Protein backbone atom coordinates (compact mmCIF):
# COMPACT_ATOMS: atom_id res chain seq x y z
CA UNK A 1 3.43 30.07 0.62
CA UNK A 2 4.04 27.98 -2.15
CA UNK A 3 5.56 24.04 -2.10
CA UNK A 4 6.63 21.60 -4.64
CA UNK A 5 6.15 18.31 -5.20
CA UNK A 6 8.79 16.36 -7.35
CA UNK A 7 7.47 13.02 -8.37
CA UNK A 8 3.77 12.42 -8.78
CA UNK A 9 3.82 8.90 -7.86
CA UNK A 10 1.03 7.90 -5.22
CA UNK A 11 2.65 10.03 -2.14
CA UNK A 12 3.35 12.67 -4.59
CA UNK A 13 -0.14 13.27 -5.69
CA UNK A 14 -2.20 12.73 -2.21
CA UNK A 15 0.19 15.23 -0.81
CA UNK A 16 0.06 17.71 -3.85
CA UNK A 17 -3.55 17.50 -4.34
CA UNK A 18 -4.41 17.61 -0.44
CA UNK A 19 -1.95 20.56 0.43
CA UNK A 20 -3.72 22.44 -2.56
CA UNK A 21 -7.09 22.00 -0.44
CA UNK A 22 -5.68 23.93 2.01
CA UNK A 23 -5.25 27.03 -0.44
CA UNK A 24 -1.59 26.52 -0.71
CA UNK A 25 -0.30 27.04 -4.51
CA UNK A 26 1.28 23.64 -5.34
CA UNK A 27 3.56 22.50 -7.98
CA UNK A 28 3.90 19.20 -9.14
CA UNK A 29 6.96 18.26 -10.88
CA UNK A 30 7.60 14.89 -13.03
CA UNK A 31 9.80 13.79 -15.63
CA UNK A 32 7.11 11.96 -17.66
CA UNK A 33 5.64 14.13 -19.83
CA UNK A 34 2.65 12.22 -21.02
CA UNK A 35 1.85 11.70 -17.65
CA UNK A 36 1.75 15.10 -16.85
CA UNK A 37 0.17 16.60 -20.06
CA UNK A 38 -2.69 13.98 -18.65
CA UNK A 39 -2.64 15.07 -15.12
CA UNK A 40 -3.09 18.20 -16.60
CA UNK A 41 -6.03 16.99 -18.54
CA UNK A 42 -7.25 15.84 -15.15
CA UNK A 43 -6.55 12.15 -15.19
CA UNK A 44 -5.57 10.53 -12.54
CA UNK A 45 -2.99 7.49 -13.11
CA UNK A 46 -3.77 5.54 -10.10
CA UNK A 47 -7.25 4.62 -8.32
CA UNK A 48 -7.82 6.45 -5.02
CA UNK A 49 -11.09 7.38 -3.73
CA UNK A 50 -11.81 11.43 -4.03
CA UNK A 51 -8.60 11.98 -4.98
CA UNK A 52 -9.71 12.77 -8.57
CA UNK A 53 -12.52 14.81 -7.11
CA UNK A 54 -10.34 16.87 -5.29
CA UNK A 55 -7.88 17.36 -8.50
CA UNK A 56 -10.23 18.83 -10.12
CA UNK A 57 -11.81 21.25 -7.85
CA UNK A 58 -8.11 22.75 -7.59
CA UNK A 59 -7.64 22.82 -11.09
CA UNK A 60 -10.85 24.89 -11.45
CA UNK A 61 -9.26 27.16 -8.23
CA UNK A 62 -5.87 27.08 -10.32
CA UNK A 63 -3.72 26.04 -7.02
CA UNK A 64 -2.14 22.97 -8.31
CA UNK A 65 0.32 23.15 -11.36
CA UNK A 66 1.77 19.91 -13.27
CA UNK A 67 4.87 20.33 -15.03
CA UNK A 68 8.11 18.77 -16.42
CA UNK A 69 10.45 21.33 -15.42
CA UNK A 70 12.07 21.36 -12.22
CA UNK A 71 13.79 24.69 -12.02
CA UNK A 72 10.45 26.50 -12.71
CA UNK A 73 8.87 24.59 -9.95
CA UNK A 74 11.45 24.59 -7.41
CA UNK A 75 12.18 28.70 -8.32
CA UNK A 76 8.76 29.07 -7.72
CA UNK A 77 8.24 27.70 -3.98
CA UNK A 78 9.82 27.80 -0.63
CA UNK A 79 9.46 23.83 0.23
CA UNK A 80 10.52 20.92 -1.64
CA UNK A 81 8.55 17.74 -1.19
CA UNK A 82 10.72 14.50 -2.51
CA UNK A 83 7.94 11.92 -3.26
CA UNK A 84 10.46 9.98 -5.12
CA UNK A 85 10.55 6.03 -5.50
CA UNK A 86 13.10 3.91 -3.08
CA UNK A 87 12.34 0.33 -4.57
CA UNK A 88 13.74 -2.57 -3.00
CA UNK A 89 17.31 -2.69 -4.16
CA UNK A 90 17.35 -6.60 -4.21
CA UNK A 91 19.37 -6.65 -1.31
CA UNK A 92 16.14 -5.75 0.78
CA UNK A 93 17.92 -2.25 1.47
CA UNK A 94 15.98 0.61 0.10
CA UNK A 95 17.43 2.22 -3.51
CA UNK A 96 18.17 5.61 -2.88
CA UNK A 97 19.49 6.56 -6.37
CA UNK A 98 16.11 8.71 -7.35
CA UNK A 99 16.80 10.31 -3.86
CA UNK A 100 20.73 10.88 -4.49
CA UNK A 101 20.30 12.20 -8.08
CA UNK A 102 17.77 14.24 -7.39
CA UNK A 103 19.41 15.82 -3.90
CA UNK A 104 22.53 16.97 -7.03
CA UNK A 105 20.29 18.16 -9.37
CA UNK A 106 18.64 20.40 -6.75
CA UNK A 107 21.79 21.86 -4.94
CA UNK A 108 23.20 22.87 -8.29
CA UNK A 109 19.71 24.97 -9.11
CA UNK A 110 18.94 26.27 -5.69
CA UNK A 111 19.94 29.96 -4.70
CA UNK A 112 18.07 30.89 -1.90
CA UNK A 113 16.52 29.44 1.03
CA UNK A 114 14.49 26.48 0.60
CA UNK A 115 13.26 23.51 3.05
CA UNK A 116 13.88 20.04 1.27
CA UNK A 117 11.32 17.59 2.11
CA UNK A 118 11.67 13.61 2.29
CA UNK A 119 8.59 12.80 2.13
CA UNK A 120 9.64 9.20 0.55
CA UNK A 121 10.26 6.17 2.55
CA UNK A 122 13.73 6.27 3.53
CA UNK A 123 16.17 4.23 5.92
CA UNK A 124 17.96 6.22 8.91
CA UNK A 125 20.48 8.51 8.23
CA UNK A 126 19.14 9.67 4.52
CA UNK A 127 18.47 13.34 5.72
CA UNK A 128 22.04 13.76 7.04
CA UNK A 129 23.26 12.18 3.70
CA UNK A 130 21.18 14.54 1.55
CA UNK A 131 22.68 17.28 3.48
CA UNK A 132 25.78 16.55 2.63
CA UNK A 133 24.93 16.14 -0.68
CA UNK A 134 23.95 19.90 -0.74
CA UNK A 135 26.93 21.03 1.23
CA UNK A 136 29.37 19.02 -1.32
CA UNK A 137 27.78 21.80 -3.69
CA UNK A 138 28.63 24.29 -1.36
CA UNK A 139 25.07 24.94 -1.10
CA UNK A 140 24.53 26.13 2.43
CA UNK A 141 20.70 27.40 1.38
CA UNK A 142 18.94 24.54 2.28
CA UNK A 143 17.22 22.94 5.44
CA UNK A 144 16.75 19.26 4.77
CA UNK A 145 13.65 17.53 6.71
CA UNK A 146 12.21 14.16 7.53
CA UNK A 147 8.26 14.23 6.91
CA UNK A 148 7.41 10.17 6.72
CA UNK A 149 3.61 9.71 5.64
CA UNK A 150 1.50 7.39 7.21
CA UNK A 151 -1.18 7.25 4.04
CA UNK A 152 -3.49 3.77 4.11
CA UNK A 153 -3.85 2.92 0.41
CA UNK A 154 -7.96 3.10 -0.28
CA UNK A 155 -7.93 5.83 2.36
CA UNK A 156 -5.15 8.22 1.62
CA UNK A 157 -7.32 11.53 1.12
CA UNK A 158 -8.71 10.73 4.64
CA UNK A 159 -5.83 9.96 6.18
CA UNK A 160 -3.93 13.17 4.83
CA UNK A 161 -6.69 15.69 5.68
CA UNK A 162 -7.77 14.17 8.88
CA UNK A 163 -4.30 12.89 10.27
CA UNK A 164 -3.56 11.15 13.59
CA UNK A 165 -0.39 12.54 14.34
CA UNK A 166 2.15 14.64 11.65
CA UNK A 167 6.20 13.69 12.54
CA UNK A 168 8.64 16.54 11.50
CA UNK A 169 12.26 15.62 11.86
CA UNK A 170 14.05 18.81 11.99
CA UNK A 171 17.41 20.31 13.48
CA UNK A 172 16.37 23.50 12.48
CA UNK A 173 14.40 25.93 14.01
CA UNK A 174 13.15 27.70 10.88
CA UNK A 175 12.62 25.05 8.82
CA UNK A 176 10.35 23.18 12.36
CA UNK A 177 8.69 26.85 12.22
CA UNK A 178 7.75 26.80 8.08
CA UNK A 179 6.32 22.34 8.52
CA UNK A 180 4.29 23.43 11.56
CA UNK A 181 2.80 26.27 9.53
CA UNK A 182 1.85 23.98 6.46
CA UNK A 183 0.61 21.32 8.71
CA UNK A 184 -1.57 23.54 11.12
CA UNK A 185 -4.73 23.02 9.08
CA UNK A 186 -5.11 19.42 9.15
CA UNK A 187 -4.79 19.20 13.03
CA UNK A 188 -6.85 21.64 13.91
CA UNK A 189 -9.00 19.23 15.99
CA UNK A 190 -5.98 18.88 18.45
CA UNK A 191 -4.11 16.14 16.97
CA UNK A 192 -0.53 15.94 17.42
CA UNK A 193 2.14 17.49 15.38
CA UNK A 194 5.49 15.28 16.89
CA UNK A 195 9.04 17.30 16.44
CA UNK A 196 11.93 15.05 16.46
CA UNK A 197 15.46 14.48 15.32
CA UNK A 198 15.45 13.29 11.44
CA UNK A 199 16.77 9.91 12.64
CA UNK A 200 14.00 9.25 14.92
CA UNK A 201 11.75 10.53 12.25
CA UNK A 202 13.00 8.48 9.95
CA UNK A 203 13.08 5.01 12.21
CA UNK A 204 9.36 6.09 13.47
CA UNK A 205 8.15 5.25 10.21
CA UNK A 206 9.63 1.81 9.42
CA UNK A 207 8.76 1.25 13.14
CA UNK A 208 5.01 1.66 12.32
CA UNK A 209 4.82 -0.35 9.32
CA UNK A 210 6.71 -3.11 10.69
CA UNK A 211 4.62 -3.42 13.63
CA UNK A 212 1.98 -3.29 11.46
CA UNK A 213 3.27 -5.95 9.64
CA UNK A 214 4.19 -7.99 12.51
CA UNK A 215 0.25 -7.68 13.63
CA UNK A 216 -1.05 -9.29 10.54
CA UNK A 217 1.45 -12.35 10.67
CA UNK A 218 1.07 -13.05 14.09
CA UNK A 219 -2.82 -13.15 13.42
CA UNK A 220 -2.13 -15.28 10.43
CA UNK A 221 -0.16 -17.79 12.59
CA UNK A 222 -2.93 -17.68 15.28
CA UNK A 223 -5.26 -18.06 12.26
CA UNK A 224 -3.26 -21.08 10.91
CA UNK A 225 -2.95 -22.77 14.68
CA UNK A 226 -7.14 -21.91 15.32
CA UNK A 227 -7.86 -24.30 12.06
CA UNK A 228 -5.25 -27.48 13.92
CA UNK A 229 -6.90 -27.05 17.20
CA UNK A 230 -10.76 -26.70 15.89
CA UNK A 231 -10.96 -22.58 17.31
CA UNK A 232 -12.48 -19.93 15.24
CA UNK A 233 -10.16 -17.31 14.88
CA UNK A 234 -13.13 -14.73 14.73
CA UNK A 235 -14.01 -15.03 18.14
CA UNK A 236 -9.89 -15.08 19.06
CA UNK A 237 -9.73 -11.85 16.72
CA UNK A 238 -12.46 -10.15 18.93
CA UNK A 239 -11.68 -11.27 21.87
CA UNK A 240 -8.16 -9.92 22.04
CA UNK A 241 -9.09 -6.91 19.83
CA UNK A 242 -11.25 -5.47 22.78
CA UNK A 243 -7.75 -5.30 24.67
CA UNK A 244 -7.21 -1.30 24.32
CA UNK A 245 -3.82 -2.53 24.71
CA UNK A 246 -4.09 -4.55 21.86
CA UNK A 247 -6.73 -2.89 19.28
CA UNK A 248 -9.03 -4.37 17.03
CA UNK A 249 -6.85 -2.79 13.70
CA UNK A 250 -4.96 -5.01 11.77
CA UNK A 251 -6.37 -8.17 13.56
CA UNK A 252 -7.93 -9.51 10.02
CA UNK A 253 -6.37 -12.87 8.94
CA UNK A 254 -5.79 -13.68 5.48
CA UNK A 255 -3.03 -14.69 2.89
CA UNK A 256 -0.67 -12.31 3.73
CA UNK A 257 0.02 -8.41 3.26
CA UNK A 258 1.04 -6.81 -0.07
CA UNK A 259 1.32 -3.78 -1.40
CA UNK A 260 3.92 -0.65 -2.44
CA UNK A 261 4.60 -0.23 1.63
CA UNK A 262 4.39 -3.21 4.07
CA UNK A 263 6.85 -5.96 2.40
CA UNK A 264 9.30 -3.41 1.41
CA UNK A 265 9.38 -1.14 4.54
CA UNK A 266 10.00 -4.64 6.51
CA UNK A 267 12.76 -5.30 4.74
CA UNK A 268 14.63 -2.13 4.60
CA UNK A 269 14.44 -2.10 8.40
CA UNK A 270 15.71 -5.79 8.52
CA UNK A 271 18.47 -4.55 6.34
CA UNK A 272 19.17 -1.83 8.25
CA UNK A 273 19.19 -3.92 11.51
CA UNK A 274 21.85 -6.54 9.77
CA UNK A 275 24.32 -3.34 8.50
CA UNK A 276 24.14 -2.56 12.17
CA UNK A 277 25.06 -6.26 13.40
CA UNK A 278 22.00 -6.31 14.84
CA UNK A 279 19.74 -9.72 14.46
CA UNK A 280 16.42 -8.60 14.45
CA UNK A 281 14.84 -11.51 14.79
CA UNK A 282 10.92 -10.79 15.52
CA UNK A 283 11.52 -9.40 11.27
CA UNK A 284 12.65 -12.00 10.21
CA UNK A 285 9.97 -14.28 11.28
CA UNK A 286 7.56 -11.73 9.94
CA UNK A 287 8.80 -11.82 6.60
CA UNK A 288 8.64 -15.73 6.44
CA UNK A 289 5.33 -16.03 7.82
CA UNK A 290 4.21 -14.08 5.26
CA UNK A 291 5.65 -15.87 2.12
CA UNK A 292 4.70 -19.22 3.88
CA UNK A 293 1.20 -17.67 4.29
CA UNK A 294 0.68 -17.61 0.75
CA UNK A 295 1.80 -20.66 -0.22
CA UNK A 296 -0.70 -22.58 2.76
CA UNK A 297 -3.80 -20.86 1.09
CA UNK A 298 -2.23 -22.33 -2.41
CA UNK A 299 -1.53 -25.90 -0.89
CA UNK A 300 -4.90 -25.88 0.43
CA UNK A 301 -6.60 -25.41 -2.93
CA UNK A 302 -4.57 -28.25 -4.11
CA UNK A 303 -5.19 -30.30 -1.76
CA UNK A 304 -9.39 -30.01 -1.73
CA UNK A 305 -9.34 -29.64 -5.63
CA UNK A 306 -7.91 -31.98 -8.16
CA UNK A 307 -6.62 -30.07 -10.73
CA UNK A 308 -5.72 -30.68 -14.26
CA UNK A 309 -5.06 -28.48 -17.73
CA UNK A 310 -8.96 -28.73 -18.40
CA UNK A 311 -9.92 -27.50 -14.79
CA UNK A 312 -11.36 -23.92 -14.36
CA UNK A 313 -11.11 -21.75 -11.82
CA UNK A 314 -12.27 -18.60 -11.01
CA UNK A 315 -11.03 -15.71 -9.04
CA UNK A 316 -12.27 -12.67 -7.10
CA UNK A 317 -10.23 -9.85 -6.16
CA UNK A 318 -6.36 -9.04 -7.68
CA UNK A 319 -5.30 -5.55 -6.29
CA UNK A 320 -3.48 -6.45 -2.60
CA UNK A 321 -6.10 -4.52 -0.63
CA UNK A 322 -9.57 -2.98 -1.69
CA UNK A 323 -10.36 0.27 -2.65
CA UNK A 324 -6.98 0.50 -4.90
CA UNK A 325 -5.96 -0.58 -8.08
CA UNK A 326 -2.30 -1.54 -6.21
CA UNK A 327 -0.67 -4.86 -7.10
CA UNK A 328 2.73 -4.61 -6.17
CA UNK A 329 3.21 -7.81 -3.98
CA UNK A 330 -0.23 -8.72 -4.12
CA UNK A 331 -0.75 -12.16 -2.98
CA UNK A 332 -3.14 -12.79 -6.15
CA UNK A 333 0.11 -12.96 -8.11
CA UNK A 334 1.76 -15.53 -6.15
CA UNK A 335 -2.01 -17.76 -6.62
CA UNK A 336 -2.06 -17.26 -10.12
CA UNK A 337 1.45 -18.17 -11.03
CA UNK A 338 0.85 -21.38 -8.72
CA UNK A 339 -2.25 -22.10 -10.96
CA UNK A 340 -0.88 -21.51 -14.06
CA UNK A 341 1.41 -24.58 -13.42
CA UNK A 342 -1.73 -26.97 -13.50
CA UNK A 343 -4.61 -25.24 -15.61
CA UNK A 344 -4.51 -23.03 -18.26
CA UNK A 345 -8.42 -22.19 -17.67
CA UNK A 346 -8.46 -18.79 -15.03
CA UNK A 347 -10.96 -16.26 -15.24
CA UNK A 348 -10.36 -13.03 -13.30
CA UNK A 349 -12.39 -10.18 -12.01
CA UNK A 350 -11.23 -6.93 -9.93
CA UNK A 351 -12.95 -3.78 -9.86
CA UNK A 352 -10.03 -1.86 -10.28
CA UNK A 353 -7.05 -3.62 -10.79
CA UNK A 354 -7.11 -5.82 -13.96
CA UNK A 355 -5.14 -3.25 -16.26
CA UNK A 356 -2.39 -3.86 -14.37
CA UNK A 357 -2.48 -7.59 -14.11
CA UNK A 358 -2.85 -8.02 -17.83
CA UNK A 359 0.32 -7.36 -18.50
CA UNK A 360 1.70 -9.76 -16.25
CA UNK A 361 -0.84 -12.72 -16.96
CA UNK A 362 -2.13 -11.77 -20.79
CA UNK A 363 -3.04 -15.73 -20.96
CA UNK A 364 -5.93 -15.40 -18.33
CA UNK A 365 -9.67 -14.31 -19.17
CA UNK A 366 -10.22 -11.02 -17.34
CA UNK A 367 -14.20 -10.87 -17.16
CA UNK A 368 -16.64 -8.08 -17.25
CA UNK A 369 -18.07 -8.72 -14.16
CA UNK A 370 -17.86 -11.09 -10.97
CA UNK A 371 -20.33 -13.69 -12.54
CA UNK A 372 -19.14 -14.04 -15.86
CA UNK A 373 -16.38 -15.49 -14.87
CA UNK A 374 -17.68 -18.36 -13.10
CA UNK A 375 -19.40 -20.24 -15.20
CA UNK A 376 -18.34 -23.62 -15.23
CA UNK A 377 -15.81 -23.22 -12.60
CA UNK A 378 -14.68 -25.82 -10.38
CA UNK A 379 -13.89 -23.53 -7.63
CA UNK A 380 -14.07 -19.78 -7.28
CA UNK A 381 -10.86 -18.20 -4.72
CA UNK A 382 -11.66 -14.78 -3.28
CA UNK A 383 -8.11 -12.95 -2.88
CA UNK A 384 -9.42 -9.34 -1.92
CA UNK A 385 -12.33 -8.49 0.43
CA UNK A 386 -13.70 -5.61 -2.19
CA UNK A 387 -17.04 -4.52 -0.59
CA UNK A 388 -18.93 -5.77 -3.50
CA UNK A 389 -18.12 -9.38 -3.02
CA UNK A 390 -19.38 -9.43 0.39
CA UNK A 391 -23.19 -10.21 -0.19
CA UNK A 392 -23.82 -12.02 -3.63
CA UNK A 393 -26.30 -13.74 -5.18
CA UNK A 394 -25.11 -17.31 -4.32
CA UNK A 395 -27.84 -19.04 -5.95
CA UNK A 396 -26.44 -17.72 -9.00
CA UNK A 397 -23.01 -18.53 -8.10
CA UNK A 398 -24.07 -22.23 -7.59
CA UNK A 399 -25.93 -22.33 -10.81
CA UNK A 400 -23.05 -21.20 -13.04
CA UNK A 401 -20.56 -23.29 -11.25
CA UNK A 402 -19.64 -26.67 -12.00
CA UNK A 403 -19.32 -27.25 -8.32
CA UNK A 404 -20.52 -25.17 -5.20
CA UNK A 405 -16.51 -24.67 -3.63
CA UNK A 406 -15.32 -21.42 -2.53
CA UNK A 407 -11.76 -21.16 -0.98
CA UNK A 408 -11.94 -17.71 1.13
CA UNK A 409 -8.54 -16.16 1.61
CA UNK A 410 -10.00 -12.77 3.09
CA UNK A 411 -12.62 -14.58 5.55
CA UNK A 412 -15.46 -12.54 3.19
CA UNK A 413 -17.95 -14.70 4.32
CA UNK A 414 -19.97 -16.24 7.26
CA UNK A 415 -19.42 -19.72 8.25
CA UNK A 416 -23.23 -19.95 9.16
CA UNK A 417 -24.28 -18.34 5.71
CA UNK A 418 -21.89 -20.86 3.60
CA UNK A 419 -23.71 -24.05 5.70
CA UNK A 420 -27.00 -22.56 4.37
CA UNK A 421 -26.40 -21.86 1.08
CA UNK A 422 -24.93 -25.23 0.63
CA UNK A 423 -21.07 -24.69 -0.50
CA UNK A 424 -17.74 -26.54 0.16
CA UNK A 425 -15.99 -23.60 1.72
CA UNK A 426 -12.48 -22.94 3.42
CA UNK A 427 -10.96 -20.12 4.95
CA UNK A 428 -8.20 -18.66 7.09
CA UNK A 429 -8.81 -19.98 10.99
CA UNK A 430 -12.01 -21.39 10.71
CA UNK A 431 -13.72 -24.86 10.11
CA UNK A 432 -13.75 -26.12 6.94
CA UNK A 433 -17.49 -26.81 5.14
CA UNK A 434 -16.43 -29.70 3.74
CA UNK A 435 -19.41 -31.79 2.07
CA UNK A 436 -17.70 -34.10 -0.04
């Protein structure tokens, strides 16, 4: 079977490369010629562990092609995945212009039976809207399917190749059979393929991401209360996470969720509720708590660190989470912006995301390694929990810094270690080690 992936962003690339890994012939389409040429040369535009290795292997076996020729890819393929952007339109609603425009374009070039799959995260009712676009062109060759992705950035290859579940929203028996065949190689260990109607499939994606965002915001609220009453959120997290009804994932407190999915999807589901005349009070609180969590961290820094224009501050971590270079809605951006209102001396290090942040904050110093930026720093802020931050040379850190002061927005270090090493240490939901 041959398939086409329209859009070579994060979801499109992972989807295309992982399908090629099962032996399918895959055409990946993008309108950006330079991007397509780079992909043909084996250059991945994003950082995602193991993705480049899989790309090179499937290019060598001639199972994946990159092109700007939409018509060629469509005519060659039986299944067409739409992996197009659905950004926040500014009012919380998802901007579907890319999806709509592509549907109109496809409706004019498809001349035989195809399955068109919404892989992008789209509001409830989008599959119906896309279907109506094809019918408006009197194109009756197409079945439209909703097939949401559940990929974690940093673990996307693993999640695609070994999914917890596959969700297929389809009212067509023919399309359902084709989609099930496509995904069978990924569920050989018995993980389920759920077949449902298109609207339920679309809702499942938003509900899943919103619930995970809810867990994060809930734990951040618990952490804030722990600081007030003298409890330790690490113990609380372990205590409730052992309950099988709750589970231990997404219970780590910090400075808020970010990335391309949670912020956008929570707002989109909230917008869907509003447009349906329903007040989704829990989601309103999730959004508010996430915004406030970043502000609380910044205020904690300002409260314990006198800052003037000569104060140097070092930052470890810029990406919204480890194992990615994605800075969309990253808390680090809010922190840097607030700090720049107080001082011009900010030095940062991130293993993957610095080139992206340079475009937003060119005045910031970007270090070659995590120690170089510490020289003369009055404080170190940890904003992403990269693995190589967890066991640093504390002696070297103290030697380089003006004072041993750390604000840890991700609870990377243990309190006992910080006390033993002689640091002033402020984290999330745990007691402060304040020797000043």
